[in-house]
Protein backbone atom coordinates (compact mmCIF):
# COMPACT_ATOMS: atom_id res chain seq x y z
CA MET A 1 67.11 41.26 26.55
CA SER A 2 64.52 42.83 24.40
CA LYS A 3 63.71 46.80 24.72
CA THR A 4 61.29 48.70 22.69
CA THR A 5 62.02 51.85 21.59
CA HIS A 6 59.72 54.41 19.56
CA GLY A 7 57.96 50.68 18.10
CA VAL A 8 61.51 49.32 17.48
CA THR A 9 62.13 46.01 19.48
CA THR A 10 65.95 44.90 19.81
CA ILE A 11 66.39 41.49 21.13
CA THR A 12 69.50 39.62 21.31
CA VAL A 13 70.16 35.75 20.58
CA GLY A 14 73.56 34.67 21.89
CA THR A 15 75.74 37.06 20.12
CA GLN A 16 73.65 38.73 17.49
CA THR A 17 71.46 41.43 17.92
CA PHE A 18 67.83 42.34 15.78
CA GLU A 19 65.84 46.01 15.31
CA LEU A 20 62.79 44.50 14.95
CA LYS A 21 60.72 47.39 13.47
CA PRO A 22 57.16 47.54 12.87
CA THR A 23 56.66 48.03 9.23
CA LEU A 24 54.44 47.36 6.35
CA LYS A 25 56.63 45.27 4.62
CA ALA A 26 57.29 43.24 7.69
CA VAL A 27 53.64 42.66 7.75
CA ARG A 28 52.97 41.61 4.20
CA ASN A 29 56.11 39.31 4.26
CA ILE A 30 55.10 37.59 7.95
CA GLU A 31 51.33 37.05 5.96
CA ALA A 32 53.48 35.59 3.12
CA ARG A 33 54.93 33.01 5.50
CA PHE A 34 52.20 32.53 7.93
CA GLY A 35 49.11 33.56 6.13
CA GLY A 36 48.63 36.44 8.83
CA ILE A 37 49.21 37.74 11.81
CA ASN A 38 46.90 35.34 13.81
CA PRO A 39 48.88 32.63 12.44
CA ALA A 40 52.55 34.06 12.99
CA TYR A 41 51.42 34.58 16.99
CA VAL A 42 49.93 30.75 17.08
CA GLU A 43 52.84 29.68 16.08
CA LEU A 44 54.71 31.76 18.65
CA ASN A 45 52.60 30.79 20.93
CA GLN A 46 53.31 26.98 20.23
CA LEU A 47 57.52 27.48 20.94
CA ARG A 48 57.74 27.32 17.12
CA THR A 49 61.79 27.77 16.50
CA SER A 50 61.21 27.78 13.11
CA ALA A 51 58.23 31.30 13.64
CA ILE A 52 60.88 32.36 16.37
CA ALA A 53 63.38 32.24 13.57
CA ALA A 54 61.28 33.49 10.55
CA ILE A 55 59.97 36.72 12.85
CA LEU A 56 63.14 38.30 13.82
CA LEU A 57 64.80 37.95 10.62
CA ILE A 58 61.67 39.55 9.11
CA GLY A 59 60.90 41.84 11.26
CA SER A 60 64.81 43.23 10.72
CA GLY A 61 64.19 43.85 7.10
CA GLN A 62 67.10 40.75 6.68
CA ASP A 63 66.72 38.41 3.41
CA PHE A 64 67.03 34.87 3.89
CA LYS A 65 67.30 31.24 2.89
CA PRO A 66 65.72 28.21 4.67
CA LYS A 67 69.44 27.60 5.41
CA ASP A 68 69.29 30.63 7.19
CA ILE A 69 66.44 30.26 9.73
CA GLU A 70 68.15 27.07 10.74
CA ALA A 71 70.92 28.49 11.67
CA LEU A 72 69.40 30.84 13.43
CA GLU A 73 67.04 28.33 15.03
CA GLU A 74 70.37 26.32 16.65
CA LYS A 75 71.31 29.97 17.96
CA ILE A 76 67.41 30.14 19.49
CA PHE A 77 67.53 26.90 21.11
CA GLU A 78 71.21 27.67 22.71
CA ALA A 79 69.84 30.80 24.17
CA GLY A 80 66.83 29.16 25.06
CA ILE A 81 63.30 29.62 23.59
CA GLY A 82 61.92 30.43 26.68
CA GLU A 83 63.99 33.52 26.56
CA ILE A 84 63.65 34.74 23.38
CA ASN A 85 60.00 34.33 22.58
CA PRO A 86 58.17 36.02 24.99
CA GLN A 87 60.79 38.67 23.66
CA VAL A 88 59.31 38.33 19.61
CA ILE A 89 55.44 38.14 21.16
CA PRO A 90 55.42 42.00 21.86
CA TYR A 91 56.84 43.07 18.65
CA VAL A 92 53.86 40.95 16.72
CA LEU A 93 51.36 41.95 18.68
CA ALA A 94 52.46 45.66 18.13
CA LEU A 95 51.91 45.27 14.29
CA LEU A 96 48.23 45.10 15.08
CA ASN A 97 48.74 48.63 16.27
CA PRO A 98 52.21 50.12 15.03
CA GLY A 99 51.04 53.50 16.24
CA GLY A 100 51.54 51.93 19.78
CA LYS A 101 49.03 54.15 21.01
CA SER A 102 45.34 52.75 22.83
CA LYS A 103 42.32 55.05 21.69
CA ASP A 104 42.04 56.60 24.90
CA GLU A 105 45.78 57.87 24.61
CA LEU A 106 45.21 59.11 21.05
CA ALA A 107 41.78 61.23 22.37
CA ALA A 108 43.68 62.03 25.67
CA ASP A 109 46.66 63.77 22.78
CA ALA A 110 44.02 65.18 20.43
CA ALA A 111 42.23 66.80 23.60
CA ALA A 112 45.47 68.01 24.73
CA GLY A 113 46.72 68.92 21.28
CA LYS A 114 49.49 66.51 20.91
CA GLU A 115 48.02 64.63 17.80
């Protein structure tokens, strides 16, 4: 189940919980692994379990090895790719706007003095 609170997305895969944080380190690691945010998004849209696993590990700040991805892929498969993948996509998209607010929301906050 996915729950977003102040930029942190919590995703549970079986009995394991991942807290994905929108950090510059996560962006850099996703860029290094996939070649950018868009290629990562494309791989998620292709329902690749290795992409889902890598983003869960990267977003939660964990160091990992290829065997860790393989083990997590099995858990993702057992939990249901269709259950886990839709929870990961909003996290990746949130990395494009880590403040979480649209231009209109930021303008409204500025007008109300809430910057």
